[in-house]
PDB file of N, CA and C in Angstrom:
ATOM      1  N   UNK A   1       0.822  -1.180   0.000  1.00  0.00           N
ATOM      2  CA  UNK A   1       0.000   0.000   0.000  1.00  0.00           C
ATOM      3  C   UNK A   1       0.870   1.249   0.000  1.00  0.00           C
ATOM      4  N   UNK A   2       0.503   2.217  -0.796  1.00  0.00           N
ATOM      5  CA  UNK A   2       1.202   3.493  -0.839  1.00  0.00           C
ATOM      6  C   UNK A   2       0.425   4.482   0.014  1.00  0.00           C
ATOM      7  N   UNK A   3       1.045   4.982   1.082  1.00  0.00           N
ATOM      8  CA  UNK A   3       0.350   5.913   1.972  1.00  0.00           C
ATOM      9  C   UNK A   3       0.698   7.345   1.609  1.00  0.00           C
ATOM     10  N   UNK A   4      -0.333   8.174   1.514  1.00  0.00           N
ATOM     11  CA  UNK A   4      -0.145   9.591   1.233  1.00  0.00           C
ATOM     12  C   UNK A   4      -1.076  10.407   2.107  1.00  0.00           C
ATOM     13  N   UNK A   5      -0.548  11.134   3.036  1.00  0.00           N
ATOM     14  CA  UNK A   5      -1.302  12.062   3.866  1.00  0.00           C
ATOM     15  C   UNK A   5      -2.611  11.470   4.390  1.00  0.00           C
ATOM     16  N   UNK A   6      -2.527  10.496   5.289  1.00  0.00           N
ATOM     17  CA  UNK A   6      -3.691   9.879   5.923  1.00  0.00           C
ATOM     18  C   UNK A   6      -4.611   9.156   4.942  1.00  0.00           C
ATOM     19  N   UNK A   7      -4.105   8.780   3.802  1.00  0.00           N
ATOM     20  CA  UNK A   7      -4.882   8.012   2.845  1.00  0.00           C
ATOM     21  C   UNK A   7      -3.950   6.998   2.195  1.00  0.00           C
ATOM     22  N   UNK A   8      -4.523   6.043   1.514  1.00  0.00           N
ATOM     23  CA  UNK A   8      -3.687   5.002   0.923  1.00  0.00           C
ATOM     24  C   UNK A   8      -4.266   4.531  -0.405  1.00  0.00           C
ATOM     25  N   UNK A   9      -3.363   4.196  -1.310  1.00  0.00           N
ATOM     26  CA  UNK A   9      -3.729   3.503  -2.536  1.00  0.00           C
ATOM     27  C   UNK A   9      -3.522   2.021  -2.269  1.00  0.00           C
ATOM     28  N   UNK A  10      -4.423   1.200  -2.735  1.00  0.00           N
ATOM     29  CA  UNK A  10      -4.288  -0.241  -2.591  1.00  0.00           C
ATOM     30  C   UNK A  10      -4.193  -0.840  -3.989  1.00  0.00           C
ATOM     31  N   UNK A  11      -3.235  -1.724  -4.185  1.00  0.00           N
ATOM     32  CA  UNK A  11      -3.068  -2.367  -5.486  1.00  0.00           C
ATOM     33  C   UNK A  11      -3.033  -3.868  -5.272  1.00  0.00           C
ATOM     34  N   UNK A  12      -3.793  -4.591  -6.110  1.00  0.00           N
ATOM     35  CA  UNK A  12      -3.844  -6.046  -5.985  1.00  0.00           C
ATOM     36  C   UNK A  12      -3.973  -6.671  -7.377  1.00  0.00           C
ATOM     37  N   UNK A  13      -3.452  -7.868  -7.549  1.00  0.00           N
ATOM     38  CA  UNK A  13      -3.560  -8.527  -8.857  1.00  0.00           C
ATOM     39  C   UNK A  13      -4.992  -8.972  -9.115  1.00  0.00           C
ATOM     40  N   UNK A  14      -5.406  -8.914 -10.366  1.00  0.00           N
ATOM     41  CA  UNK A  14      -6.722  -9.418 -10.762  1.00  0.00           C
ATOM     42  C   UNK A  14      -6.547 -10.718 -11.535  1.00  0.00           C
ATOM     43  N   UNK A  15      -5.570 -10.791 -12.364  1.00  0.00           N
ATOM     44  CA  UNK A  15      -5.077 -12.007 -13.010  1.00  0.00           C
ATOM     45  C   UNK A  15      -3.698 -11.666 -13.561  1.00  0.00           C
ATOM     46  N   UNK A  16      -3.185 -12.448 -14.464  1.00  0.00           N
ATOM     47  CA  UNK A  16      -1.827 -12.202 -14.963  1.00  0.00           C
ATOM     48  C   UNK A  16      -1.695 -10.905 -15.754  1.00  0.00           C
ATOM     49  N   UNK A  17      -2.777 -10.417 -16.309  1.00  0.00           N
ATOM     50  CA  UNK A  17      -2.712  -9.262 -17.202  1.00  0.00           C
ATOM     51  C   UNK A  17      -3.304  -7.980 -16.616  1.00  0.00           C
ATOM     52  N   UNK A  18      -3.934  -8.051 -15.441  1.00  0.00           N
ATOM     53  CA  UNK A  18      -4.608  -6.887 -14.864  1.00  0.00           C
ATOM     54  C   UNK A  18      -4.242  -6.702 -13.402  1.00  0.00           C
ATOM     55  N   UNK A  19      -4.319  -5.464 -12.937  1.00  0.00           N
ATOM     56  CA  UNK A  19      -4.292  -5.150 -11.510  1.00  0.00           C
ATOM     57  C   UNK A  19      -5.491  -4.254 -11.222  1.00  0.00           C
ATOM     58  N   UNK A  20      -5.919  -4.261  -9.965  1.00  0.00           N
ATOM     59  CA  UNK A  20      -6.970  -3.351  -9.521  1.00  0.00           C
ATOM     60  C   UNK A  20      -6.336  -2.390  -8.535  1.00  0.00           C
ATOM     61  N   UNK A  21      -6.428  -1.106  -8.840  1.00  0.00           N
ATOM     62  CA  UNK A  21      -5.898  -0.066  -7.961  1.00  0.00           C
ATOM     63  C   UNK A  21      -7.089   0.665  -7.353  1.00  0.00           C
ATOM     64  N   UNK A  22      -7.132   0.709  -6.020  1.00  0.00           N
ATOM     65  CA  UNK A  22      -8.185   1.432  -5.320  1.00  0.00           C
ATOM     66  C   UNK A  22      -7.605   2.738  -4.800  1.00  0.00           C
ATOM     67  N   UNK A  23      -8.212   3.837  -5.196  1.00  0.00           N
ATOM     68  CA  UNK A  23      -7.764   5.162  -4.771  1.00  0.00           C
ATOM     69  C   UNK A  23      -8.268   5.459  -3.363  1.00  0.00           C
ATOM     70  N   UNK A  24      -7.695   6.452  -2.695  1.00  0.00           N
ATOM     71  CA  UNK A  24      -8.170   6.830  -1.361  1.00  0.00           C
ATOM     72  C   UNK A  24      -9.656   7.191  -1.337  1.00  0.00           C
ATOM     73  N   UNK A  25     -10.178   7.682  -2.448  1.00  0.00           N
ATOM     74  CA  UNK A  25     -11.598   8.043  -2.528  1.00  0.00           C
ATOM     75  C   UNK A  25     -12.502   6.819  -2.609  1.00  0.00           C
ATOM     76  N   UNK A  26     -11.910   5.648  -2.871  1.00  0.00           N
ATOM     77  CA  UNK A  26     -12.681   4.421  -3.012  1.00  0.00           C
ATOM     78  C   UNK A  26     -12.883   4.000  -4.460  1.00  0.00           C
ATOM     79  N   UNK A  27     -12.543   4.862  -5.410  1.00  0.00           N
ATOM     80  CA  UNK A  27     -12.687   4.522  -6.830  1.00  0.00           C
ATOM     81  C   UNK A  27     -11.693   3.433  -7.203  1.00  0.00           C
ATOM     82  N   UNK A  28     -12.189   2.431  -7.923  1.00  0.00           N
ATOM     83  CA  UNK A  28     -11.328   1.330  -8.364  1.00  0.00           C
ATOM     84  C   UNK A  28     -11.046   1.435  -9.856  1.00  0.00           C
ATOM     85  N   UNK A  29      -9.808   1.173 -10.205  1.00  0.00           N
ATOM     86  CA  UNK A  29      -9.366   1.142 -11.595  1.00  0.00           C
ATOM     87  C   UNK A  29      -8.859  -0.262 -11.890  1.00  0.00           C
ATOM     88  N   UNK A  30      -9.384  -0.890 -12.935  1.00  0.00           N
ATOM     89  CA  UNK A  30      -8.858  -2.178 -13.401  1.00  0.00           C
ATOM     90  C   UNK A  30      -7.978  -1.863 -14.607  1.00  0.00           C
ATOM     91  N   UNK A  31      -6.676  -2.070 -14.438  1.00  0.00           N
ATOM     92  CA  UNK A  31      -5.704  -1.604 -15.431  1.00  0.00           C
ATOM     93  C   UNK A  31      -4.977  -2.790 -16.062  1.00  0.00           C
ATOM     94  N   UNK A  32      -5.006  -2.834 -17.374  1.00  0.00           N
ATOM     95  CA  UNK A  32      -4.320  -3.885 -18.131  1.00  0.00           C
ATOM     96  C   UNK A  32      -2.823  -3.595 -18.178  1.00  0.00           C
ATOM     97  N   UNK A  33      -2.050  -4.644 -18.247  1.00  0.00           N
ATOM     98  CA  UNK A  33      -0.584  -4.543 -18.296  1.00  0.00           C
ATOM     99  C   UNK A  33      -0.107  -3.565 -19.371  1.00  0.00           C
ATOM    100  N   UNK A  34      -0.702  -3.603 -20.547  1.00  0.00           N
ATOM    101  CA  UNK A  34      -0.251  -2.750 -21.652  1.00  0.00           C
ATOM    102  C   UNK A  34      -0.683  -1.290 -21.497  1.00  0.00           C
ATOM    103  N   UNK A  35      -1.640  -1.020 -20.620  1.00  0.00           N
ATOM    104  CA  UNK A  35      -2.084   0.359 -20.387  1.00  0.00           C
ATOM    105  C   UNK A  35      -1.317   1.032 -19.259  1.00  0.00           C
ATOM    106  N   UNK A  36      -0.617   0.250 -18.455  1.00  0.00           N
ATOM    107  CA  UNK A  36       0.153   0.803 -17.337  1.00  0.00           C
ATOM    108  C   UNK A  36       1.281   1.670 -17.887  1.00  0.00           C
ATOM    109  N   UNK A  37       1.384   2.891 -17.378  1.00  0.00           N
ATOM    110  CA  UNK A  37       2.341   3.856 -17.925  1.00  0.00           C
ATOM    111  C   UNK A  37       2.976   4.645 -16.781  1.00  0.00           C
ATOM    112  N   UNK A  38       4.299   4.583 -16.641  1.00  0.00           N
ATOM    113  CA  UNK A  38       4.958   5.281 -15.534  1.00  0.00           C
ATOM    114  C   UNK A  38       4.901   6.803 -15.636  1.00  0.00           C
ATOM    115  N   UNK A  39       4.485   7.322 -16.784  1.00  0.00           N
ATOM    116  CA  UNK A  39       4.407   8.772 -16.953  1.00  0.00           C
ATOM    117  C   UNK A  39       2.972   9.253 -17.149  1.00  0.00           C
ATOM    118  N   UNK A  40       2.009   8.394 -16.817  1.00  0.00           N
ATOM    119  CA  UNK A  40       0.594   8.744 -16.967  1.00  0.00           C
ATOM    120  C   UNK A  40       0.215   9.838 -15.982  1.00  0.00           C
ATOM    121  N   UNK A  41      -0.810  10.615 -16.302  1.00  0.00           N
ATOM    122  CA  UNK A  41      -1.208  11.705 -15.397  1.00  0.00           C
ATOM    123  C   UNK A  41      -1.928  11.199 -14.160  1.00  0.00           C
ATOM    124  N   UNK A  42      -2.486   9.978 -14.182  1.00  0.00           N
ATOM    125  CA  UNK A  42      -3.159   9.420 -13.015  1.00  0.00           C
ATOM    126  C   UNK A  42      -2.204   8.528 -12.233  1.00  0.00           C
ATOM    127  N   UNK A  43      -2.159   8.717 -10.936  1.00  0.00           N
ATOM    128  CA  UNK A  43      -1.271   7.936 -10.070  1.00  0.00           C
ATOM    129  C   UNK A  43      -1.572   6.447 -10.193  1.00  0.00           C
ATOM    130  N   UNK A  44      -2.825   6.083 -10.341  1.00  0.00           N
ATOM    131  CA  UNK A  44      -3.197   4.666 -10.429  1.00  0.00           C
ATOM    132  C   UNK A  44      -2.471   3.955 -11.566  1.00  0.00           C
ATOM    133  N   UNK A  45      -2.353   4.611 -12.705  1.00  0.00           N
ATOM    134  CA  UNK A  45      -1.658   4.013 -13.846  1.00  0.00           C
ATOM    135  C   UNK A  45      -0.156   3.930 -13.600  1.00  0.00           C
ATOM    136  N   UNK A  46       0.381   4.890 -12.871  1.00  0.00           N
ATOM    137  CA  UNK A  46       1.804   4.846 -12.517  1.00  0.00           C
ATOM    138  C   UNK A  46       2.085   3.695 -11.562  1.00  0.00           C
ATOM    139  N   UNK A  47       1.199   3.493 -10.588  1.00  0.00           N
ATOM    140  CA  UNK A  47       1.370   2.375  -9.656  1.00  0.00           C
ATOM    141  C   UNK A  47       1.284   1.044 -10.391  1.00  0.00           C
ATOM    142  N   UNK A  48       0.354   0.947 -11.329  1.00  0.00           N
ATOM    143  CA  UNK A  48       0.230  -0.280 -12.118  1.00  0.00           C
ATOM    144  C   UNK A  48       1.506  -0.536 -12.916  1.00  0.00           C
ATOM    145  N   UNK A  49       2.103   0.512 -13.443  1.00  0.00           N
ATOM    146  CA  UNK A  49       3.360   0.358 -14.190  1.00  0.00           C
ATOM    147  C   UNK A  49       4.442  -0.217 -13.294  1.00  0.00           C
ATOM    148  N   UNK A  50       4.531   0.273 -12.081  1.00  0.00           N
ATOM    149  CA  UNK A  50       5.504  -0.263 -11.131  1.00  0.00           C
ATOM    150  C   UNK A  50       5.225  -1.711 -10.790  1.00  0.00           C
ATOM    151  N   UNK A  51       3.960  -2.058 -10.658  1.00  0.00           N
ATOM    152  CA  UNK A  51       3.565  -3.436 -10.345  1.00  0.00           C
ATOM    153  C   UNK A  51       4.057  -4.386 -11.432  1.00  0.00           C
ATOM    154  N   UNK A  52       3.859  -3.982 -12.679  1.00  0.00           N
ATOM    155  CA  UNK A  52       4.248  -4.834 -13.802  1.00  0.00           C
ATOM    156  C   UNK A  52       5.708  -4.668 -14.193  1.00  0.00           C
ATOM    157  N   UNK A  53       6.401  -3.738 -13.579  1.00  0.00           N
ATOM    158  CA  UNK A  53       7.803  -3.519 -13.904  1.00  0.00           C
ATOM    159  C   UNK A  53       8.011  -2.655 -15.130  1.00  0.00           C
ATOM    160  N   UNK A  54       6.973  -1.923 -15.544  1.00  0.00           N
ATOM    161  CA  UNK A  54       7.084  -1.029 -16.707  1.00  0.00           C
ATOM    162  C   UNK A  54       7.624   0.320 -16.258  1.00  0.00           C
ATOM    163  N   UNK A  55       8.839   0.334 -15.807  1.00  0.00           N
ATOM    164  CA  UNK A  55       9.422   1.561 -15.284  1.00  0.00           C
ATOM    165  C   UNK A  55      10.272   2.245 -16.345  1.00  0.00           C
ATOM    166  N   UNK A  56      10.467   3.560 -16.228  1.00  0.00           N
ATOM    167  CA  UNK A  56      11.329   4.260 -17.182  1.00  0.00           C
ATOM    168  C   UNK A  56      12.743   3.685 -17.171  1.00  0.00           C
ATOM    169  N   UNK A  57      13.458   3.898 -18.241  1.00  0.00           N
ATOM    170  CA  UNK A  57      14.798   3.322 -18.396  1.00  0.00           C
ATOM    171  C   UNK A  57      15.728   3.663 -17.242  1.00  0.00           C
ATOM    172  N   UNK A  58      15.594   4.857 -16.671  1.00  0.00           N
ATOM    173  CA  UNK A  58      16.506   5.230 -15.589  1.00  0.00           C
ATOM    174  C   UNK A  58      16.313   4.371 -14.339  1.00  0.00           C
ATOM    175  N   UNK A  59      15.182   3.646 -14.247  1.00  0.00           N
ATOM    176  CA  UNK A  59      14.935   2.763 -13.112  1.00  0.00           C
ATOM    177  C   UNK A  59      15.174   1.293 -13.449  1.00  0.00           C
ATOM    178  N   UNK A  60      15.537   1.012 -14.687  1.00  0.00           N
ATOM    179  CA  UNK A  60      15.729  -0.375 -15.121  1.00  0.00           C
ATOM    180  C   UNK A  60      16.851  -1.041 -14.328  1.00  0.00           C
ATOM    181  N   UNK A  61      16.657  -2.324 -14.081  1.00  0.00           N
ATOM    182  CA  UNK A  61      17.644  -3.108 -13.335  1.00  0.00           C
ATOM    183  C   UNK A  61      18.233  -4.146 -14.275  1.00  0.00           C
ATOM    184  N   UNK A  62      19.535  -4.281 -14.249  1.00  0.00           N
ATOM    185  CA  UNK A  62      20.192  -5.275 -15.118  1.00  0.00           C
ATOM    186  C   UNK A  62      20.050  -6.663 -14.558  1.00  0.00           C
TER     187      UNK A  62
END
């Protein structure tokens, strides 16, 4: 869980290709692996990118 100022994002797997991200407001996003983007304007999509390992090159691990 990512905690931000008395609130938290929750991320959990839905199957091999999807994750469900719950925002502090309670809104749920079901995000496909190919839609996860580390530079997306919504935090939920950025968290999904981290979950799937779709991180920018500067964070890549050899």
